[in-house]
Amino acid sequence: MYSVGDDVTMADVALAPTVEAALRWGIDFTVLPKVWGIYTRIKELPAFEQGDWRHQEDCPPELR
């Protein structure tokens, strides 16, 4: 299950970078278990993994 049903939607596409940014600021997602569950599911998808900023050619090695 994703943000809106059983298929990936634009809501999921927007959720992933938002959670990534929040994690960089140290946000605790234990208070948002549903959001964290959706995020962990979409991050397992190959397209999201390949699109992750840490997998881009121009990402500095110290940030990977």
PDB file of N, CA and C in Angstrom:
ATOM      1  N   MET A   1       0.845  -1.181   0.000  1.00  0.00           N
ATOM      2  CA  MET A   1       0.000   0.000   0.000  1.00  0.00           C
ATOM      3  C   MET A   1       0.889   1.242   0.000  1.00  0.00           C
ATOM      4  N   TYR A   2       0.483   2.202  -0.792  1.00  0.00           N
ATOM      5  CA  TYR A   2       1.216   3.449  -0.910  1.00  0.00           C
ATOM      6  C   TYR A   2       0.352   4.600  -0.396  1.00  0.00           C
ATOM      7  N   SER A   3       0.709   5.821  -0.716  1.00  0.00           N
ATOM      8  CA  SER A   3      -0.019   6.980  -0.188  1.00  0.00           C
ATOM      9  C   SER A   3      -1.502   6.960  -0.538  1.00  0.00           C
ATOM     10  N   VAL A   4      -1.797   6.536  -1.790  1.00  0.00           N
ATOM     11  CA  VAL A   4      -3.194   6.513  -2.245  1.00  0.00           C
ATOM     12  C   VAL A   4      -3.459   5.171  -2.900  1.00  0.00           C
ATOM     13  N   GLY A   5      -3.698   4.159  -2.102  1.00  0.00           N
ATOM     14  CA  GLY A   5      -4.034   2.849  -2.641  1.00  0.00           C
ATOM     15  C   GLY A   5      -2.848   1.954  -2.910  1.00  0.00           C
ATOM     16  N   ASP A   6      -3.041   1.043  -3.854  1.00  0.00           N
ATOM     17  CA  ASP A   6      -2.059  -0.004  -4.126  1.00  0.00           C
ATOM     18  C   ASP A   6      -1.065   0.332  -5.233  1.00  0.00           C
ATOM     19  N   ASP A   7      -1.191   1.490  -5.840  1.00  0.00           N
ATOM     20  CA  ASP A   7      -0.294   1.889  -6.919  1.00  0.00           C
ATOM     21  C   ASP A   7       0.461   3.152  -6.529  1.00  0.00           C
ATOM     22  N   VAL A   8       1.654   3.299  -7.062  1.00  0.00           N
ATOM     23  CA  VAL A   8       2.438   4.503  -6.836  1.00  0.00           C
ATOM     24  C   VAL A   8       1.779   5.673  -7.567  1.00  0.00           C
ATOM     25  N   THR A   9       1.658   6.794  -6.879  1.00  0.00           N
ATOM     26  CA  THR A   9       1.054   7.990  -7.466  1.00  0.00           C
ATOM     27  C   THR A   9       1.998   9.181  -7.264  1.00  0.00           C
ATOM     28  N   MET A  10       1.599  10.334  -7.743  1.00  0.00           N
ATOM     29  CA  MET A  10       2.381  11.548  -7.542  1.00  0.00           C
ATOM     30  C   MET A  10       2.544  11.864  -6.060  1.00  0.00           C
ATOM     31  N   ALA A  11       1.600  11.436  -5.245  1.00  0.00           N
ATOM     32  CA  ALA A  11       1.732  11.651  -3.799  1.00  0.00           C
ATOM     33  C   ALA A  11       2.993  10.955  -3.276  1.00  0.00           C
ATOM     34  N   ASP A  12       3.274   9.767  -3.775  1.00  0.00           N
ATOM     35  CA  ASP A  12       4.470   9.036  -3.363  1.00  0.00           C
ATOM     36  C   ASP A  12       5.731   9.689  -3.913  1.00  0.00           C
ATOM     37  N   VAL A  13       5.640  10.176  -5.142  1.00  0.00           N
ATOM     38  CA  VAL A  13       6.768  10.851  -5.771  1.00  0.00           C
ATOM     39  C   VAL A  13       7.140  12.102  -4.962  1.00  0.00           C
ATOM     40  N   ALA A  14       6.149  12.783  -4.410  1.00  0.00           N
ATOM     41  CA  ALA A  14       6.401  13.963  -3.585  1.00  0.00           C
ATOM     42  C   ALA A  14       6.825  13.590  -2.166  1.00  0.00           C
ATOM     43  N   LEU A  15       6.319  12.474  -1.679  1.00  0.00           N
ATOM     44  CA  LEU A  15       6.611  12.055  -0.302  1.00  0.00           C
ATOM     45  C   LEU A  15       8.078  11.692  -0.105  1.00  0.00           C
ATOM     46  N   ALA A  16       8.662  10.971  -1.043  1.00  0.00           N
ATOM     47  CA  ALA A  16      10.032  10.476  -0.877  1.00  0.00           C
ATOM     48  C   ALA A  16      11.041  11.601  -0.633  1.00  0.00           C
ATOM     49  N   PRO A  17      11.126  12.625  -1.466  1.00  0.00           N
ATOM     50  CA  PRO A  17      12.109  13.673  -1.188  1.00  0.00           C
ATOM     51  C   PRO A  17      11.776  14.499   0.052  1.00  0.00           C
ATOM     52  N   THR A  18      10.491  14.595   0.374  1.00  0.00           N
ATOM     53  CA  THR A  18      10.099  15.329   1.574  1.00  0.00           C
ATOM     54  C   THR A  18      10.608  14.612   2.819  1.00  0.00           C
ATOM     55  N   VAL A  19      10.442  13.298   2.860  1.00  0.00           N
ATOM     56  CA  VAL A  19      10.943  12.520   3.993  1.00  0.00           C
ATOM     57  C   VAL A  19      12.463  12.570   4.024  1.00  0.00           C
ATOM     58  N   GLU A  20      13.104  12.464   2.864  1.00  0.00           N
ATOM     59  CA  GLU A  20      14.571  12.547   2.802  1.00  0.00           C
ATOM     60  C   GLU A  20      15.059  13.856   3.412  1.00  0.00           C
ATOM     61  N   ALA A  21      14.424  14.957   3.060  1.00  0.00           N
ATOM     62  CA  ALA A  21      14.818  16.261   3.599  1.00  0.00           C
ATOM     63  C   ALA A  21      14.600  16.313   5.106  1.00  0.00           C
ATOM     64  N   ALA A  22      13.489  15.787   5.558  1.00  0.00           N
ATOM     65  CA  ALA A  22      13.204  15.779   6.993  1.00  0.00           C
ATOM     66  C   ALA A  22      14.219  14.931   7.754  1.00  0.00           C
ATOM     67  N   LEU A  23      14.626  13.830   7.179  1.00  0.00           N
ATOM     68  CA  LEU A  23      15.634  12.983   7.827  1.00  0.00           C
ATOM     69  C   LEU A  23      16.959  13.716   7.974  1.00  0.00           C
ATOM     70  N   ARG A  24      17.305  14.497   6.983  1.00  0.00           N
ATOM     71  CA  ARG A  24      18.554  15.271   7.070  1.00  0.00           C
ATOM     72  C   ARG A  24      18.502  16.287   8.192  1.00  0.00           C
ATOM     73  N   TRP A  25      17.305  16.720   8.555  1.00  0.00           N
ATOM     74  CA  TRP A  25      17.138  17.667   9.660  1.00  0.00           C
ATOM     75  C   TRP A  25      16.887  16.956  10.985  1.00  0.00           C
ATOM     76  N   GLY A  26      16.899  15.625  10.971  1.00  0.00           N
ATOM     77  CA  GLY A  26      16.766  14.864  12.209  1.00  0.00           C
ATOM     78  C   GLY A  26      15.347  14.667  12.709  1.00  0.00           C
ATOM     79  N   ILE A  27      14.377  14.757  11.820  1.00  0.00           N
ATOM     80  CA  ILE A  27      12.985  14.555  12.227  1.00  0.00           C
ATOM     81  C   ILE A  27      12.776  13.100  12.638  1.00  0.00           C
ATOM     82  N   ASP A  28      12.063  12.907  13.736  1.00  0.00           N
ATOM     83  CA  ASP A  28      11.773  11.576  14.267  1.00  0.00           C
ATOM     84  C   ASP A  28      10.455  11.073  13.676  1.00  0.00           C
ATOM     85  N   PHE A  29      10.526  10.038  12.863  1.00  0.00           N
ATOM     86  CA  PHE A  29       9.332   9.520  12.204  1.00  0.00           C
ATOM     87  C   PHE A  29       8.610   8.437  12.996  1.00  0.00           C
ATOM     88  N   THR A  30       9.051   8.182  14.229  1.00  0.00           N
ATOM     89  CA  THR A  30       8.325   7.199  15.043  1.00  0.00           C
ATOM     90  C   THR A  30       6.922   7.698  15.383  1.00  0.00           C
ATOM     91  N   VAL A  31       6.725   9.004  15.343  1.00  0.00           N
ATOM     92  CA  VAL A  31       5.401   9.563  15.610  1.00  0.00           C
ATOM     93  C   VAL A  31       4.511   9.547  14.364  1.00  0.00           C
ATOM     94  N   LEU A  32       5.094   9.188  13.219  1.00  0.00           N
ATOM     95  CA  LEU A  32       4.346   9.111  11.960  1.00  0.00           C
ATOM     96  C   LEU A  32       4.551   7.730  11.332  1.00  0.00           C
ATOM     97  N   PRO A  33       4.068   6.679  11.987  1.00  0.00           N
ATOM     98  CA  PRO A  33       4.343   5.327  11.486  1.00  0.00           C
ATOM     99  C   PRO A  33       3.772   5.048  10.100  1.00  0.00           C
ATOM    100  N   LYS A  34       2.658   5.631   9.762  1.00  0.00           N
ATOM    101  CA  LYS A  34       2.076   5.402   8.435  1.00  0.00           C
ATOM    102  C   LYS A  34       2.959   6.024   7.349  1.00  0.00           C
ATOM    103  N   VAL A  35       3.396   7.246   7.577  1.00  0.00           N
ATOM    104  CA  VAL A  35       4.282   7.919   6.615  1.00  0.00           C
ATOM    105  C   VAL A  35       5.581   7.129   6.479  1.00  0.00           C
ATOM    106  N   TRP A  36       6.146   6.700   7.606  1.00  0.00           N
ATOM    107  CA  TRP A  36       7.397   5.951   7.569  1.00  0.00           C
ATOM    108  C   TRP A  36       7.219   4.624   6.825  1.00  0.00           C
ATOM    109  N   GLY A  37       6.093   3.958   7.034  1.00  0.00           N
ATOM    110  CA  GLY A  37       5.825   2.693   6.346  1.00  0.00           C
ATOM    111  C   GLY A  37       5.727   2.880   4.838  1.00  0.00           C
ATOM    112  N   ILE A  38       5.047   3.925   4.412  1.00  0.00           N
ATOM    113  CA  ILE A  38       4.935   4.213   2.980  1.00  0.00           C
ATOM    114  C   ILE A  38       6.312   4.526   2.409  1.00  0.00           C
ATOM    115  N   TYR A  39       7.054   5.350   3.110  1.00  0.00           N
ATOM    116  CA  TYR A  39       8.394   5.729   2.656  1.00  0.00           C
ATOM    117  C   TYR A  39       9.293   4.500   2.509  1.00  0.00           C
ATOM    118  N   THR A  40       9.287   3.620   3.484  1.00  0.00           N
ATOM    119  CA  THR A  40      10.163   2.442   3.402  1.00  0.00           C
ATOM    120  C   THR A  40       9.756   1.523   2.250  1.00  0.00           C
ATOM    121  N   ARG A  41       8.463   1.475   1.935  1.00  0.00           N
ATOM    122  CA  ARG A  41       8.025   0.652   0.797  1.00  0.00           C
ATOM    123  C   ARG A  41       8.448   1.270  -0.539  1.00  0.00           C
ATOM    124  N   ILE A  42       8.261   2.580  -0.677  1.00  0.00           N
ATOM    125  CA  ILE A  42       8.597   3.176  -1.971  1.00  0.00           C
ATOM    126  C   ILE A  42      10.110   3.233  -2.182  1.00  0.00           C
ATOM    127  N   LYS A  43      10.886   3.327  -1.124  1.00  0.00           N
ATOM    128  CA  LYS A  43      12.340   3.372  -1.276  1.00  0.00           C
ATOM    129  C   LYS A  43      12.903   2.031  -1.743  1.00  0.00           C
ATOM    130  N   GLU A  44      12.134   0.970  -1.639  1.00  0.00           N
ATOM    131  CA  GLU A  44      12.568  -0.344  -2.125  1.00  0.00           C
ATOM    132  C   GLU A  44      12.351  -0.508  -3.625  1.00  0.00           C
ATOM    133  N   LEU A  45      11.570   0.360  -4.219  1.00  0.00           N
ATOM    134  CA  LEU A  45      11.293   0.271  -5.650  1.00  0.00           C
ATOM    135  C   LEU A  45      12.526   0.703  -6.445  1.00  0.00           C
ATOM    136  N   PRO A  46      12.895  -0.044  -7.478  1.00  0.00           N
ATOM    137  CA  PRO A  46      14.092   0.288  -8.263  1.00  0.00           C
ATOM    138  C   PRO A  46      14.102   1.723  -8.799  1.00  0.00           C
ATOM    139  N   ALA A  47      12.980   2.213  -9.268  1.00  0.00           N
ATOM    140  CA  ALA A  47      12.932   3.567  -9.832  1.00  0.00           C
ATOM    141  C   ALA A  47      13.256   4.614  -8.772  1.00  0.00           C
ATOM    142  N   PHE A  48      12.762   4.415  -7.571  1.00  0.00           N
ATOM    143  CA  PHE A  48      13.042   5.367  -6.510  1.00  0.00           C
ATOM    144  C   PHE A  48      14.491   5.250  -6.053  1.00  0.00           C
ATOM    145  N   GLU A  49      15.010   4.061  -6.015  1.00  0.00           N
ATOM    146  CA  GLU A  49      16.404   3.872  -5.629  1.00  0.00           C
ATOM    147  C   GLU A  49      17.339   4.537  -6.642  1.00  0.00           C
ATOM    148  N   GLN A  50      17.060   4.344  -7.925  1.00  0.00           N
ATOM    149  CA  GLN A  50      17.894   4.945  -8.973  1.00  0.00           C
ATOM    150  C   GLN A  50      17.778   6.465  -8.993  1.00  0.00           C
ATOM    151  N   GLY A  51      16.623   6.981  -8.644  1.00  0.00           N
ATOM    152  CA  GLY A  51      16.413   8.420  -8.642  1.00  0.00           C
ATOM    153  C   GLY A  51      16.894   9.119  -7.388  1.00  0.00           C
ATOM    154  N   ASP A  52      17.260   8.348  -6.383  1.00  0.00           N
ATOM    155  CA  ASP A  52      17.720   8.911  -5.123  1.00  0.00           C
ATOM    156  C   ASP A  52      18.938   9.808  -5.370  1.00  0.00           C
ATOM    157  N   TRP A  53      18.993  10.932  -4.713  1.00  0.00           N
ATOM    158  CA  TRP A  53      20.084  11.892  -4.928  1.00  0.00           C
ATOM    159  C   TRP A  53      21.449  11.289  -4.620  1.00  0.00           C
ATOM    160  N   ARG A  54      21.519  10.330  -3.720  1.00  0.00           N
ATOM    161  CA  ARG A  54      22.809   9.711  -3.379  1.00  0.00           C
ATOM    162  C   ARG A  54      23.348   8.838  -4.507  1.00  0.00           C
ATOM    163  N   HIS A  55      22.505   8.478  -5.470  1.00  0.00           N
ATOM    164  CA  HIS A  55      22.920   7.643  -6.590  1.00  0.00           C
ATOM    165  C   HIS A  55      23.230   8.444  -7.856  1.00  0.00           C
ATOM    166  N   GLN A  56      23.227   9.762  -7.758  1.00  0.00           N
ATOM    167  CA  GLN A  56      23.491  10.594  -8.918  1.00  0.00           C
ATOM    168  C   GLN A  56      24.994  10.806  -9.093  1.00  0.00           C
ATOM    169  N   GLU A  57      25.425  10.907 -10.334  1.00  0.00           N
ATOM    170  CA  GLU A  57      26.851  11.044 -10.668  1.00  0.00           C
ATOM    171  C   GLU A  57      27.502  12.243  -9.962  1.00  0.00           C
ATOM    172  N   ASP A  58      26.786  13.326  -9.834  1.00  0.00           N
ATOM    173  CA  ASP A  58      27.379  14.534  -9.284  1.00  0.00           C
ATOM    174  C   ASP A  58      27.255  14.669  -7.765  1.00  0.00           C
ATOM    175  N   CYS A  59      26.782  13.615  -7.111  1.00  0.00           N
ATOM    176  CA  CYS A  59      26.687  13.631  -5.655  1.00  0.00           C
ATOM    177  C   CYS A  59      28.085  13.453  -5.049  1.00  0.00           C
ATOM    178  N   PRO A  60      28.502  14.375  -4.197  1.00  0.00           N
ATOM    179  CA  PRO A  60      29.825  14.245  -3.577  1.00  0.00           C
ATOM    180  C   PRO A  60      29.940  12.949  -2.773  1.00  0.00           C
ATOM    181  N   PRO A  61      31.066  12.274  -2.855  1.00  0.00           N
ATOM    182  CA  PRO A  61      31.254  11.001  -2.161  1.00  0.00           C
ATOM    183  C   PRO A  61      30.962  11.073  -0.656  1.00  0.00           C
ATOM    184  N   GLU A  62      31.267  12.194  -0.023  1.00  0.00           N
ATOM    185  CA  GLU A  62      31.045  12.304   1.420  1.00  0.00           C
ATOM    186  C   GLU A  62      29.567  12.368   1.799  1.00  0.00           C
ATOM    187  N   LEU A  63      28.689  12.571   0.822  1.00  0.00           N
ATOM    188  CA  LEU A  63      27.256  12.596   1.096  1.00  0.00           C
ATOM    189  C   LEU A  63      26.536  11.309   0.726  1.00  0.00           C
ATOM    190  N   ARG A  64      27.242  10.406   0.106  1.00  0.00           N
ATOM    191  CA  ARG A  64      26.598   9.161  -0.335  1.00  0.00           C
ATOM    192  C   ARG A  64      26.284   8.261   0.785  1.00  0.00           C
TER     193      ARG A  64
END
